[in-house]
């Protein structure tokens, strides 16, 4: 055992609490509407954009030294673009589709 064990255990407990909170939220609303999903994606988008420098600094600290420009270009901007894309397509992706089926 090393000196980090209590901190690791605390972190695992926090992660378990977060996971249980997410499970509870899913059970409460397992099938959000397109509007709710867009709202959630919008909140994620705002969180990423508003905290882009803090996220880059945290990644820099984790790696010992990593260019914030590299982190933004290769990690954060693609994530932001993916959220924007998903937000614009979520209603289309949720539309029912007719699929042919075999008699067998």
PDB file of N, CA and C in Angstrom:
ATOM      1  N   UNK A   1       0.840  -1.193   0.000  1.00  0.00           N
ATOM      2  CA  UNK A   1       0.000   0.000   0.000  1.00  0.00           C
ATOM      3  C   UNK A   1       0.870   1.235   0.000  1.00  0.00           C
ATOM      4  N   UNK A   2       0.454   2.208  -0.791  1.00  0.00           N
ATOM      5  CA  UNK A   2       1.217   3.456  -0.793  1.00  0.00           C
ATOM      6  C   UNK A   2       0.385   4.577  -0.203  1.00  0.00           C
ATOM      7  N   UNK A   3       0.960   5.755  -0.139  1.00  0.00           N
ATOM      8  CA  UNK A   3       0.300   6.899   0.486  1.00  0.00           C
ATOM      9  C   UNK A   3      -0.895   7.394  -0.320  1.00  0.00           C
ATOM     10  N   UNK A   4      -1.004   6.967  -1.570  1.00  0.00           N
ATOM     11  CA  UNK A   4      -2.094   7.457  -2.417  1.00  0.00           C
ATOM     12  C   UNK A   4      -3.367   6.636  -2.267  1.00  0.00           C
ATOM     13  N   UNK A   5      -3.328   5.536  -1.568  1.00  0.00           N
ATOM     14  CA  UNK A   5      -4.480   4.655  -1.470  1.00  0.00           C
ATOM     15  C   UNK A   5      -5.732   5.361  -0.943  1.00  0.00           C
ATOM     16  N   UNK A   6      -5.691   6.143   0.148  1.00  0.00           N
ATOM     17  CA  UNK A   6      -6.912   6.822   0.594  1.00  0.00           C
ATOM     18  C   UNK A   6      -7.484   7.763  -0.476  1.00  0.00           C
ATOM     19  N   UNK A   7      -6.616   8.469  -1.170  1.00  0.00           N
ATOM     20  CA  UNK A   7      -7.084   9.370  -2.217  1.00  0.00           C
ATOM     21  C   UNK A   7      -7.718   8.587  -3.366  1.00  0.00           C
ATOM     22  N   UNK A   8      -7.116   7.466  -3.705  1.00  0.00           N
ATOM     23  CA  UNK A   8      -7.682   6.625  -4.766  1.00  0.00           C
ATOM     24  C   UNK A   8      -9.037   6.086  -4.336  1.00  0.00           C
ATOM     25  N   UNK A   9      -9.126   5.624  -3.089  1.00  0.00           N
ATOM     26  CA  UNK A   9     -10.402   5.115  -2.590  1.00  0.00           C
ATOM     27  C   UNK A   9     -11.466   6.203  -2.580  1.00  0.00           C
ATOM     28  N   UNK A  10     -11.091   7.408  -2.191  1.00  0.00           N
ATOM     29  CA  UNK A  10     -12.020   8.538  -2.199  1.00  0.00           C
ATOM     30  C   UNK A  10     -12.489   8.810  -3.620  1.00  0.00           C
ATOM     31  N   UNK A  11     -11.541   8.772  -4.558  1.00  0.00           N
ATOM     32  CA  UNK A  11     -11.882   8.990  -5.964  1.00  0.00           C
ATOM     33  C   UNK A  11     -12.827   7.927  -6.486  1.00  0.00           C
ATOM     34  N   UNK A  12     -12.580   6.674  -6.113  1.00  0.00           N
ATOM     35  CA  UNK A  12     -13.455   5.582  -6.548  1.00  0.00           C
ATOM     36  C   UNK A  12     -14.850   5.731  -5.951  1.00  0.00           C
ATOM     37  N   UNK A  13     -14.913   6.162  -4.699  1.00  0.00           N
ATOM     38  CA  UNK A  13     -16.209   6.391  -4.058  1.00  0.00           C
ATOM     39  C   UNK A  13     -16.961   7.506  -4.773  1.00  0.00           C
ATOM     40  N   UNK A  14     -16.258   8.573  -5.111  1.00  0.00           N
ATOM     41  CA  UNK A  14     -16.890   9.672  -5.845  1.00  0.00           C
ATOM     42  C   UNK A  14     -17.393   9.196  -7.205  1.00  0.00           C
ATOM     43  N   UNK A  15     -16.588   8.394  -7.910  1.00  0.00           N
ATOM     44  CA  UNK A  15     -17.004   7.866  -9.199  1.00  0.00           C
ATOM     45  C   UNK A  15     -18.235   6.971  -9.052  1.00  0.00           C
ATOM     46  N   UNK A  16     -18.264   6.156  -8.024  1.00  0.00           N
ATOM     47  CA  UNK A  16     -19.426   5.289  -7.783  1.00  0.00           C
ATOM     48  C   UNK A  16     -20.672   6.134  -7.508  1.00  0.00           C
ATOM     49  N   UNK A  17     -20.520   7.203  -6.744  1.00  0.00           N
ATOM     50  CA  UNK A  17     -21.649   8.097  -6.470  1.00  0.00           C
ATOM     51  C   UNK A  17     -22.162   8.744  -7.755  1.00  0.00           C
ATOM     52  N   UNK A  18     -21.239   9.177  -8.591  1.00  0.00           N
ATOM     53  CA  UNK A  18     -21.621   9.786  -9.875  1.00  0.00           C
ATOM     54  C   UNK A  18     -22.334   8.761 -10.751  1.00  0.00           C
ATOM     55  N   UNK A  19     -21.797   7.537 -10.798  1.00  0.00           N
ATOM     56  CA  UNK A  19     -22.407   6.491 -11.603  1.00  0.00           C
ATOM     57  C   UNK A  19     -23.827   6.187 -11.114  1.00  0.00           C
ATOM     58  N   UNK A  20     -24.002   6.088  -9.819  1.00  0.00           N
ATOM     59  CA  UNK A  20     -25.339   5.817  -9.269  1.00  0.00           C
ATOM     60  C   UNK A  20     -26.303   6.967  -9.568  1.00  0.00           C
ATOM     61  N   UNK A  21     -25.795   8.182  -9.517  1.00  0.00           N
ATOM     62  CA  UNK A  21     -26.618   9.344  -9.871  1.00  0.00           C
ATOM     63  C   UNK A  21     -27.052   9.282 -11.332  1.00  0.00           C
ATOM     64  N   UNK A  22     -26.130   8.874 -12.209  1.00  0.00           N
ATOM     65  CA  UNK A  22     -26.464   8.743 -13.624  1.00  0.00           C
ATOM     66  C   UNK A  22     -27.488   7.628 -13.844  1.00  0.00           C
ATOM     67  N   UNK A  23     -27.343   6.524 -13.141  1.00  0.00           N
ATOM     68  CA  UNK A  23     -28.313   5.429 -13.265  1.00  0.00           C
ATOM     69  C   UNK A  23     -29.700   5.886 -12.820  1.00  0.00           C
ATOM     70  N   UNK A  24     -29.747   6.636 -11.724  1.00  0.00           N
ATOM     71  CA  UNK A  24     -31.022   7.145 -11.212  1.00  0.00           C
ATOM     72  C   UNK A  24     -31.658   8.086 -12.228  1.00  0.00           C
ATOM     73  N   UNK A  25     -30.870   8.961 -12.819  1.00  0.00           N
ATOM     74  CA  UNK A  25     -31.383   9.892 -13.830  1.00  0.00           C
ATOM     75  C   UNK A  25     -31.893   9.133 -15.048  1.00  0.00           C
ATOM     76  N   UNK A  26     -31.194   8.083 -15.454  1.00  0.00           N
ATOM     77  CA  UNK A  26     -31.639   7.288 -16.597  1.00  0.00           C
ATOM     78  C   UNK A  26     -32.959   6.600 -16.290  1.00  0.00           C
ATOM     79  N   UNK A  27     -33.066   6.024 -15.089  1.00  0.00           N
ATOM     80  CA  UNK A  27     -34.327   5.362 -14.727  1.00  0.00           C
ATOM     81  C   UNK A  27     -35.482   6.351 -14.676  1.00  0.00           C
ATOM     82  N   UNK A  28     -35.200   7.572 -14.284  1.00  0.00           N
ATOM     83  CA  UNK A  28     -36.238   8.609 -14.212  1.00  0.00           C
ATOM     84  C   UNK A  28     -36.705   9.024 -15.607  1.00  0.00           C
ATOM     85  N   UNK A  29     -35.786   9.138 -16.560  1.00  0.00           N
ATOM     86  CA  UNK A  29     -36.125   9.577 -17.927  1.00  0.00           C
ATOM     87  C   UNK A  29     -35.285   8.782 -18.926  1.00  0.00           C
ATOM     88  N   UNK A  30     -35.662   7.516 -19.193  1.00  0.00           N
ATOM     89  CA  UNK A  30     -34.823   6.677 -20.056  1.00  0.00           C
ATOM     90  C   UNK A  30     -34.829   7.070 -21.526  1.00  0.00           C
ATOM     91  N   UNK A  31     -35.853   7.752 -21.983  1.00  0.00           N
ATOM     92  CA  UNK A  31     -35.964   8.106 -23.397  1.00  0.00           C
ATOM     93  C   UNK A  31     -36.233   9.597 -23.563  1.00  0.00           C
ATOM     94  N   UNK A  32     -35.192  10.419 -23.441  1.00  0.00           N
ATOM     95  CA  UNK A  32     -35.409  11.856 -23.579  1.00  0.00           C
ATOM     96  C   UNK A  32     -35.864  12.220 -24.992  1.00  0.00           C
ATOM     97  N   UNK A  33     -36.619  13.283 -25.081  1.00  0.00           N
ATOM     98  CA  UNK A  33     -37.070  13.770 -26.382  1.00  0.00           C
ATOM     99  C   UNK A  33     -35.895  14.378 -27.137  1.00  0.00           C
ATOM    100  N   UNK A  34     -36.116  14.629 -28.420  1.00  0.00           N
ATOM    101  CA  UNK A  34     -35.067  15.264 -29.226  1.00  0.00           C
ATOM    102  C   UNK A  34     -34.710  16.624 -28.636  1.00  0.00           C
ATOM    103  N   UNK A  35     -35.715  17.367 -28.195  1.00  0.00           N
ATOM    104  CA  UNK A  35     -35.453  18.684 -27.604  1.00  0.00           C
ATOM    105  C   UNK A  35     -34.594  18.565 -26.341  1.00  0.00           C
ATOM    106  N   UNK A  36     -34.921  17.590 -25.483  1.00  0.00           N
ATOM    107  CA  UNK A  36     -34.129  17.392 -24.267  1.00  0.00           C
ATOM    108  C   UNK A  36     -32.699  16.995 -24.615  1.00  0.00           C
ATOM    109  N   UNK A  37     -32.546  16.145 -25.614  1.00  0.00           N
ATOM    110  CA  UNK A  37     -31.200  15.744 -26.028  1.00  0.00           C
ATOM    111  C   UNK A  37     -30.425  16.932 -26.589  1.00  0.00           C
ATOM    112  N   UNK A  38     -31.093  17.767 -27.383  1.00  0.00           N
ATOM    113  CA  UNK A  38     -30.442  18.972 -27.906  1.00  0.00           C
ATOM    114  C   UNK A  38     -30.029  19.892 -26.766  1.00  0.00           C
ATOM    115  N   UNK A  39     -30.914  20.021 -25.765  1.00  0.00           N
ATOM    116  CA  UNK A  39     -30.582  20.855 -24.599  1.00  0.00           C
ATOM    117  C   UNK A  39     -29.366  20.300 -23.856  1.00  0.00           C
ATOM    118  N   UNK A  40     -29.312  18.981 -23.690  1.00  0.00           N
ATOM    119  CA  UNK A  40     -28.161  18.364 -23.012  1.00  0.00           C
ATOM    120  C   UNK A  40     -26.882  18.576 -23.818  1.00  0.00           C
ATOM    121  N   UNK A  41     -26.983  18.398 -25.129  1.00  0.00           N
ATOM    122  CA  UNK A  41     -25.815  18.627 -25.983  1.00  0.00           C
ATOM    123  C   UNK A  41     -25.397  20.091 -25.951  1.00  0.00           C
ATOM    124  N   UNK A  42     -26.381  20.992 -25.894  1.00  0.00           N
ATOM    125  CA  UNK A  42     -26.065  22.418 -25.777  1.00  0.00           C
ATOM    126  C   UNK A  42     -25.324  22.728 -24.489  1.00  0.00           C
ATOM    127  N   UNK A  43     -25.743  22.088 -23.399  1.00  0.00           N
ATOM    128  CA  UNK A  43     -25.051  22.289 -22.119  1.00  0.00           C
ATOM    129  C   UNK A  43     -23.621  21.755 -22.189  1.00  0.00           C
ATOM    130  N   UNK A  44     -23.451  20.601 -22.839  1.00  0.00           N
ATOM    131  CA  UNK A  44     -22.105  20.048 -23.015  1.00  0.00           C
ATOM    132  C   UNK A  44     -21.248  20.978 -23.861  1.00  0.00           C
ATOM    133  N   UNK A  45     -21.818  21.497 -24.944  1.00  0.00           N
ATOM    134  CA  UNK A  45     -21.106  22.434 -25.822  1.00  0.00           C
ATOM    135  C   UNK A  45     -20.638  23.655 -25.025  1.00  0.00           C
ATOM    136  N   UNK A  46     -21.561  24.252 -24.264  1.00  0.00           N
ATOM    137  CA  UNK A  46     -21.204  25.442 -23.469  1.00  0.00           C
ATOM    138  C   UNK A  46     -20.120  25.116 -22.447  1.00  0.00           C
ATOM    139  N   UNK A  47     -20.225  23.934 -21.800  1.00  0.00           N
ATOM    140  CA  UNK A  47     -19.230  23.543 -20.807  1.00  0.00           C
ATOM    141  C   UNK A  47     -17.852  23.419 -21.452  1.00  0.00           C
ATOM    142  N   UNK A  48     -17.796  22.804 -22.626  1.00  0.00           N
ATOM    143  CA  UNK A  48     -16.502  22.653 -23.308  1.00  0.00           C
ATOM    144  C   UNK A  48     -15.928  24.012 -23.706  1.00  0.00           C
ATOM    145  N   UNK A  49     -16.753  24.845 -24.315  1.00  0.00           N
ATOM    146  CA  UNK A  49     -16.279  26.148 -24.798  1.00  0.00           C
ATOM    147  C   UNK A  49     -15.865  27.047 -23.637  1.00  0.00           C
ATOM    148  N   UNK A  50     -16.674  27.088 -22.584  1.00  0.00           N
ATOM    149  CA  UNK A  50     -16.382  27.973 -21.449  1.00  0.00           C
ATOM    150  C   UNK A  50     -15.157  27.514 -20.651  1.00  0.00           C
ATOM    151  N   UNK A  51     -14.830  26.242 -20.736  1.00  0.00           N
ATOM    152  CA  UNK A  51     -13.728  25.706 -19.931  1.00  0.00           C
ATOM    153  C   UNK A  51     -12.564  25.206 -20.770  1.00  0.00           C
ATOM    154  N   UNK A  52     -12.484  25.644 -22.007  1.00  0.00           N
ATOM    155  CA  UNK A  52     -11.465  25.121 -22.914  1.00  0.00           C
ATOM    156  C   UNK A  52     -10.049  25.346 -22.379  1.00  0.00           C
ATOM    157  N   UNK A  53      -9.792  26.510 -21.808  1.00  0.00           N
ATOM    158  CA  UNK A  53      -8.454  26.784 -21.276  1.00  0.00           C
ATOM    159  C   UNK A  53      -8.162  25.947 -20.029  1.00  0.00           C
ATOM    160  N   UNK A  54      -9.154  25.777 -19.164  1.00  0.00           N
ATOM    161  CA  UNK A  54      -8.968  24.981 -17.953  1.00  0.00           C
ATOM    162  C   UNK A  54      -8.754  23.508 -18.309  1.00  0.00           C
ATOM    163  N   UNK A  55      -9.485  23.014 -19.310  1.00  0.00           N
ATOM    164  CA  UNK A  55      -9.308  21.621 -19.735  1.00  0.00           C
ATOM    165  C   UNK A  55      -7.911  21.433 -20.326  1.00  0.00           C
ATOM    166  N   UNK A  56      -7.487  22.376 -21.158  1.00  0.00           N
ATOM    167  CA  UNK A  56      -6.145  22.295 -21.749  1.00  0.00           C
ATOM    168  C   UNK A  56      -5.077  22.342 -20.656  1.00  0.00           C
ATOM    169  N   UNK A  57      -5.284  23.172 -19.643  1.00  0.00           N
ATOM    170  CA  UNK A  57      -4.315  23.261 -18.534  1.00  0.00           C
ATOM    171  C   UNK A  57      -4.276  21.950 -17.744  1.00  0.00           C
ATOM    172  N   UNK A  58      -5.427  21.319 -17.537  1.00  0.00           N
ATOM    173  CA  UNK A  58      -5.470  20.049 -16.810  1.00  0.00           C
ATOM    174  C   UNK A  58      -4.748  18.959 -17.602  1.00  0.00           C
ATOM    175  N   UNK A  59      -4.941  18.934 -18.905  1.00  0.00           N
ATOM    176  CA  UNK A  59      -4.250  17.949 -19.736  1.00  0.00           C
ATOM    177  C   UNK A  59      -2.750  18.216 -19.719  1.00  0.00           C
ATOM    178  N   UNK A  60      -2.368  19.493 -19.761  1.00  0.00           N
ATOM    179  CA  UNK A  60      -0.959  19.872 -19.670  1.00  0.00           C
ATOM    180  C   UNK A  60      -0.355  19.361 -18.357  1.00  0.00           C
ATOM    181  N   UNK A  61      -1.081  19.521 -17.265  1.00  0.00           N
ATOM    182  CA  UNK A  61      -0.585  19.063 -15.964  1.00  0.00           C
ATOM    183  C   UNK A  61      -0.463  17.537 -15.935  1.00  0.00           C
ATOM    184  N   UNK A  62      -1.423  16.844 -16.538  1.00  0.00           N
ATOM    185  CA  UNK A  62      -1.377  15.380 -16.555  1.00  0.00           C
ATOM    186  C   UNK A  62      -0.188  14.852 -17.351  1.00  0.00           C
ATOM    187  N   UNK A  63       0.136  15.515 -18.467  1.00  0.00           N
ATOM    188  CA  UNK A  63       1.210  15.037 -19.332  1.00  0.00           C
ATOM    189  C   UNK A  63       2.577  15.602 -18.963  1.00  0.00           C
ATOM    190  N   UNK A  64       2.630  16.509 -18.008  1.00  0.00           N
ATOM    191  CA  UNK A  64       3.906  17.101 -17.630  1.00  0.00           C
ATOM    192  C   UNK A  64       4.194  18.359 -18.416  1.00  0.00           C
ATOM    193  N   UNK A  65       3.925  18.361 -19.670  1.00  0.00           N
ATOM    194  CA  UNK A  65       3.923  19.561 -20.498  1.00  0.00           C
ATOM    195  C   UNK A  65       3.360  19.171 -21.854  1.00  0.00           C
ATOM    196  N   UNK A  66       2.298  19.812 -22.198  1.00  0.00           N
ATOM    197  CA  UNK A  66       1.688  19.598 -23.502  1.00  0.00           C
ATOM    198  C   UNK A  66       1.166  20.941 -23.985  1.00  0.00           C
ATOM    199  N   UNK A  67       1.467  21.245 -25.197  1.00  0.00           N
ATOM    200  CA  UNK A  67       1.061  22.513 -25.775  1.00  0.00           C
ATOM    201  C   UNK A  67      -0.457  22.662 -25.724  1.00  0.00           C
ATOM    202  N   UNK A  68      -0.923  23.803 -25.225  1.00  0.00           N
ATOM    203  CA  UNK A  68      -2.368  24.042 -25.187  1.00  0.00           C
ATOM    204  C   UNK A  68      -2.933  24.119 -26.601  1.00  0.00           C
ATOM    205  N   UNK A  69      -2.121  24.602 -27.540  1.00  0.00           N
ATOM    206  CA  UNK A  69      -2.571  24.662 -28.933  1.00  0.00           C
ATOM    207  C   UNK A  69      -2.806  23.250 -29.484  1.00  0.00           C
ATOM    208  N   UNK A  70      -1.890  22.346 -29.175  1.00  0.00           N
ATOM    209  CA  UNK A  70      -2.031  20.963 -29.626  1.00  0.00           C
ATOM    210  C   UNK A  70      -3.278  20.325 -29.004  1.00  0.00           C
ATOM    211  N   UNK A  71      -3.458  20.528 -27.719  1.00  0.00           N
ATOM    212  CA  UNK A  71      -4.621  19.960 -27.032  1.00  0.00           C
ATOM    213  C   UNK A  71      -5.917  20.498 -27.624  1.00  0.00           C
ATOM    214  N   UNK A  72      -5.977  21.794 -27.827  1.00  0.00           N
ATOM    215  CA  UNK A  72      -7.197  22.390 -28.392  1.00  0.00           C
ATOM    216  C   UNK A  72      -7.453  21.879 -29.803  1.00  0.00           C
ATOM    217  N   UNK A  73      -6.412  21.820 -30.605  1.00  0.00           N
ATOM    218  CA  UNK A  73      -6.554  21.414 -31.997  1.00  0.00           C
ATOM    219  C   UNK A  73      -6.912  19.933 -32.134  1.00  0.00           C
ATOM    220  N   UNK A  74      -6.269  19.078 -31.355  1.00  0.00           N
ATOM    221  CA  UNK A  74      -6.426  17.642 -31.545  1.00  0.00           C
ATOM    222  C   UNK A  74      -7.435  16.983 -30.613  1.00  0.00           C
ATOM    223  N   UNK A  75      -7.784  17.619 -29.523  1.00  0.00           N
ATOM    224  CA  UNK A  75      -8.684  16.993 -28.552  1.00  0.00           C
ATOM    225  C   UNK A  75      -9.989  17.768 -28.388  1.00  0.00           C
ATOM    226  N   UNK A  76      -9.892  19.065 -28.183  1.00  0.00           N
ATOM    227  CA  UNK A  76     -11.093  19.820 -27.819  1.00  0.00           C
ATOM    228  C   UNK A  76     -11.909  20.273 -29.015  1.00  0.00           C
ATOM    229  N   UNK A  77     -11.285  20.814 -30.046  1.00  0.00           N
ATOM    230  CA  UNK A  77     -12.051  21.266 -31.207  1.00  0.00           C
ATOM    231  C   UNK A  77     -12.812  20.119 -31.872  1.00  0.00           C
ATOM    232  N   UNK A  78     -12.211  18.921 -32.039  1.00  0.00           N
ATOM    233  CA  UNK A  78     -13.001  17.812 -32.597  1.00  0.00           C
ATOM    234  C   UNK A  78     -14.200  17.437 -31.711  1.00  0.00           C
ATOM    235  N   UNK A  79     -14.033  17.504 -30.410  1.00  0.00           N
ATOM    236  CA  UNK A  79     -15.146  17.203 -29.503  1.00  0.00           C
ATOM    237  C   UNK A  79     -16.254  18.245 -29.643  1.00  0.00           C
ATOM    238  N   UNK A  80     -15.860  19.499 -29.725  1.00  0.00           N
ATOM    239  CA  UNK A  80     -16.841  20.576 -29.881  1.00  0.00           C
ATOM    240  C   UNK A  80     -17.583  20.418 -31.208  1.00  0.00           C
ATOM    241  N   UNK A  81     -16.853  20.107 -32.265  1.00  0.00           N
ATOM    242  CA  UNK A  81     -17.493  19.894 -33.574  1.00  0.00           C
ATOM    243  C   UNK A  81     -18.441  18.708 -33.537  1.00  0.00           C
ATOM    244  N   UNK A  82     -18.053  17.637 -32.868  1.00  0.00           N
ATOM    245  CA  UNK A  82     -18.902  16.451 -32.770  1.00  0.00           C
ATOM    246  C   UNK A  82     -20.197  16.765 -32.025  1.00  0.00           C
ATOM    247  N   UNK A  83     -20.104  17.566 -30.983  1.00  0.00           N
ATOM    248  CA  UNK A  83     -21.306  17.965 -30.237  1.00  0.00           C
ATOM    249  C   UNK A  83     -22.204  18.815 -31.125  1.00  0.00           C
ATOM    250  N   UNK A  84     -21.628  19.753 -31.848  1.00  0.00           N
ATOM    251  CA  UNK A  84     -22.422  20.595 -32.755  1.00  0.00           C
ATOM    252  C   UNK A  84     -23.111  19.746 -33.819  1.00  0.00           C
ATOM    253  N   UNK A  85     -22.386  18.794 -34.383  1.00  0.00           N
ATOM    254  CA  UNK A  85     -22.948  17.930 -35.409  1.00  0.00           C
ATOM    255  C   UNK A  85     -24.097  17.092 -34.835  1.00  0.00           C
ATOM    256  N   UNK A  86     -23.868  16.479 -33.681  1.00  0.00           N
ATOM    257  CA  UNK A  86     -24.904  15.657 -33.055  1.00  0.00           C
ATOM    258  C   UNK A  86     -26.134  16.488 -32.731  1.00  0.00           C
ATOM    259  N   UNK A  87     -25.917  17.696 -32.267  1.00  0.00           N
ATOM    260  CA  UNK A  87     -27.042  18.575 -31.919  1.00  0.00           C
ATOM    261  C   UNK A  87     -27.896  18.876 -33.145  1.00  0.00           C
ATOM    262  N   UNK A  88     -27.261  19.053 -34.280  1.00  0.00           N
ATOM    263  CA  UNK A  88     -28.019  19.372 -35.491  1.00  0.00           C
ATOM    264  C   UNK A  88     -28.704  18.151 -36.093  1.00  0.00           C
ATOM    265  N   UNK A  89     -28.233  16.948 -35.775  1.00  0.00           N
ATOM    266  CA  UNK A  89     -28.758  15.722 -36.391  1.00  0.00           C
ATOM    267  C   UNK A  89     -29.625  14.882 -35.470  1.00  0.00           C
ATOM    268  N   UNK A  90     -29.717  15.208 -34.206  1.00  0.00           N
ATOM    269  CA  UNK A  90     -30.362  14.322 -33.243  1.00  0.00           C
ATOM    270  C   UNK A  90     -31.814  14.005 -33.615  1.00  0.00           C
ATOM    271  N   UNK A  91     -32.567  14.968 -34.071  1.00  0.00           N
ATOM    272  CA  UNK A  91     -33.971  14.708 -34.422  1.00  0.00           C
ATOM    273  C   UNK A  91     -34.058  13.738 -35.598  1.00  0.00           C
ATOM    274  N   UNK A  92     -33.197  13.920 -36.588  1.00  0.00           N
ATOM    275  CA  UNK A  92     -33.182  13.020 -37.742  1.00  0.00           C
ATOM    276  C   UNK A  92     -32.798  11.605 -37.306  1.00  0.00           C
ATOM    277  N   UNK A  93     -31.803  11.500 -36.454  1.00  0.00           N
ATOM    278  CA  UNK A  93     -31.357  10.190 -36.004  1.00  0.00           C
ATOM    279  C   UNK A  93     -32.438   9.462 -35.205  1.00  0.00           C
ATOM    280  N   UNK A  94     -33.323  10.216 -34.571  1.00  0.00           N
ATOM    281  CA  UNK A  94     -34.361   9.610 -33.736  1.00  0.00           C
ATOM    282  C   UNK A  94     -35.611   9.224 -34.522  1.00  0.00           C
ATOM    283  N   UNK A  95     -35.732   9.669 -35.767  1.00  0.00           N
ATOM    284  CA  UNK A  95     -36.922   9.343 -36.556  1.00  0.00           C
ATOM    285  C   UNK A  95     -37.060   7.838 -36.740  1.00  0.00           C
ATOM    286  N   UNK A  96     -38.280   7.352 -36.648  1.00  0.00           N
ATOM    287  CA  UNK A  96     -38.488   5.924 -36.923  1.00  0.00           C
ATOM    288  C   UNK A  96     -38.145   5.609 -38.379  1.00  0.00           C
ATOM    289  N   UNK A  97     -37.649   4.420 -38.609  1.00  0.00           N
ATOM    290  CA  UNK A  97     -37.307   3.981 -39.952  1.00  0.00           C
ATOM    291  C   UNK A  97     -38.021   2.675 -40.243  1.00  0.00           C
ATOM    292  N   UNK A  98     -38.534   2.559 -41.437  1.00  0.00           N
ATOM    293  CA  UNK A  98     -39.116   1.299 -41.860  1.00  0.00           C
ATOM    294  C   UNK A  98     -37.983   0.425 -42.390  1.00  0.00           C
ATOM    295  N   UNK A  99     -37.987  -0.814 -41.964  1.00  0.00           N
ATOM    296  CA  UNK A  99     -36.964  -1.762 -42.408  1.00  0.00           C
ATOM    297  C   UNK A  99     -37.673  -3.009 -42.931  1.00  0.00           C
ATOM    298  N   UNK A 100     -37.251  -3.472 -44.088  1.00  0.00           N
ATOM    299  CA  UNK A 100     -37.858  -4.702 -44.605  1.00  0.00           C
ATOM    300  C   UNK A 100     -37.413  -5.911 -43.766  1.00  0.00           C
ATOM    301  N   UNK A 101     -38.311  -6.841 -43.609  1.00  0.00           N
ATOM    302  CA  UNK A 101     -37.965  -8.050 -42.881  1.00  0.00           C
ATOM    303  C   UNK A 101     -38.365  -9.268 -43.716  1.00  0.00           C
ATOM    304  N   UNK A 102     -37.642 -10.290 -43.537  1.00  0.00           N
ATOM    305  CA  UNK A 102     -37.906 -11.541 -44.221  1.00  0.00           C
ATOM    306  C   UNK A 102     -39.067 -12.252 -43.540  1.00  0.00           C
ATOM    307  N   UNK A 103     -39.789 -13.022 -44.317  1.00  0.00           N
ATOM    308  CA  UNK A 103     -40.854 -13.807 -43.715  1.00  0.00           C
ATOM    309  C   UNK A 103     -40.295 -14.834 -42.741  1.00  0.00           C
ATOM    310  N   UNK A 104     -39.075 -15.202 -42.943  1.00  0.00           N
ATOM    311  CA  UNK A 104     -38.435 -16.185 -42.055  1.00  0.00           C
ATOM    312  C   UNK A 104     -37.863 -15.508 -40.851  1.00  0.00           C
TER     313      UNK A 104
END
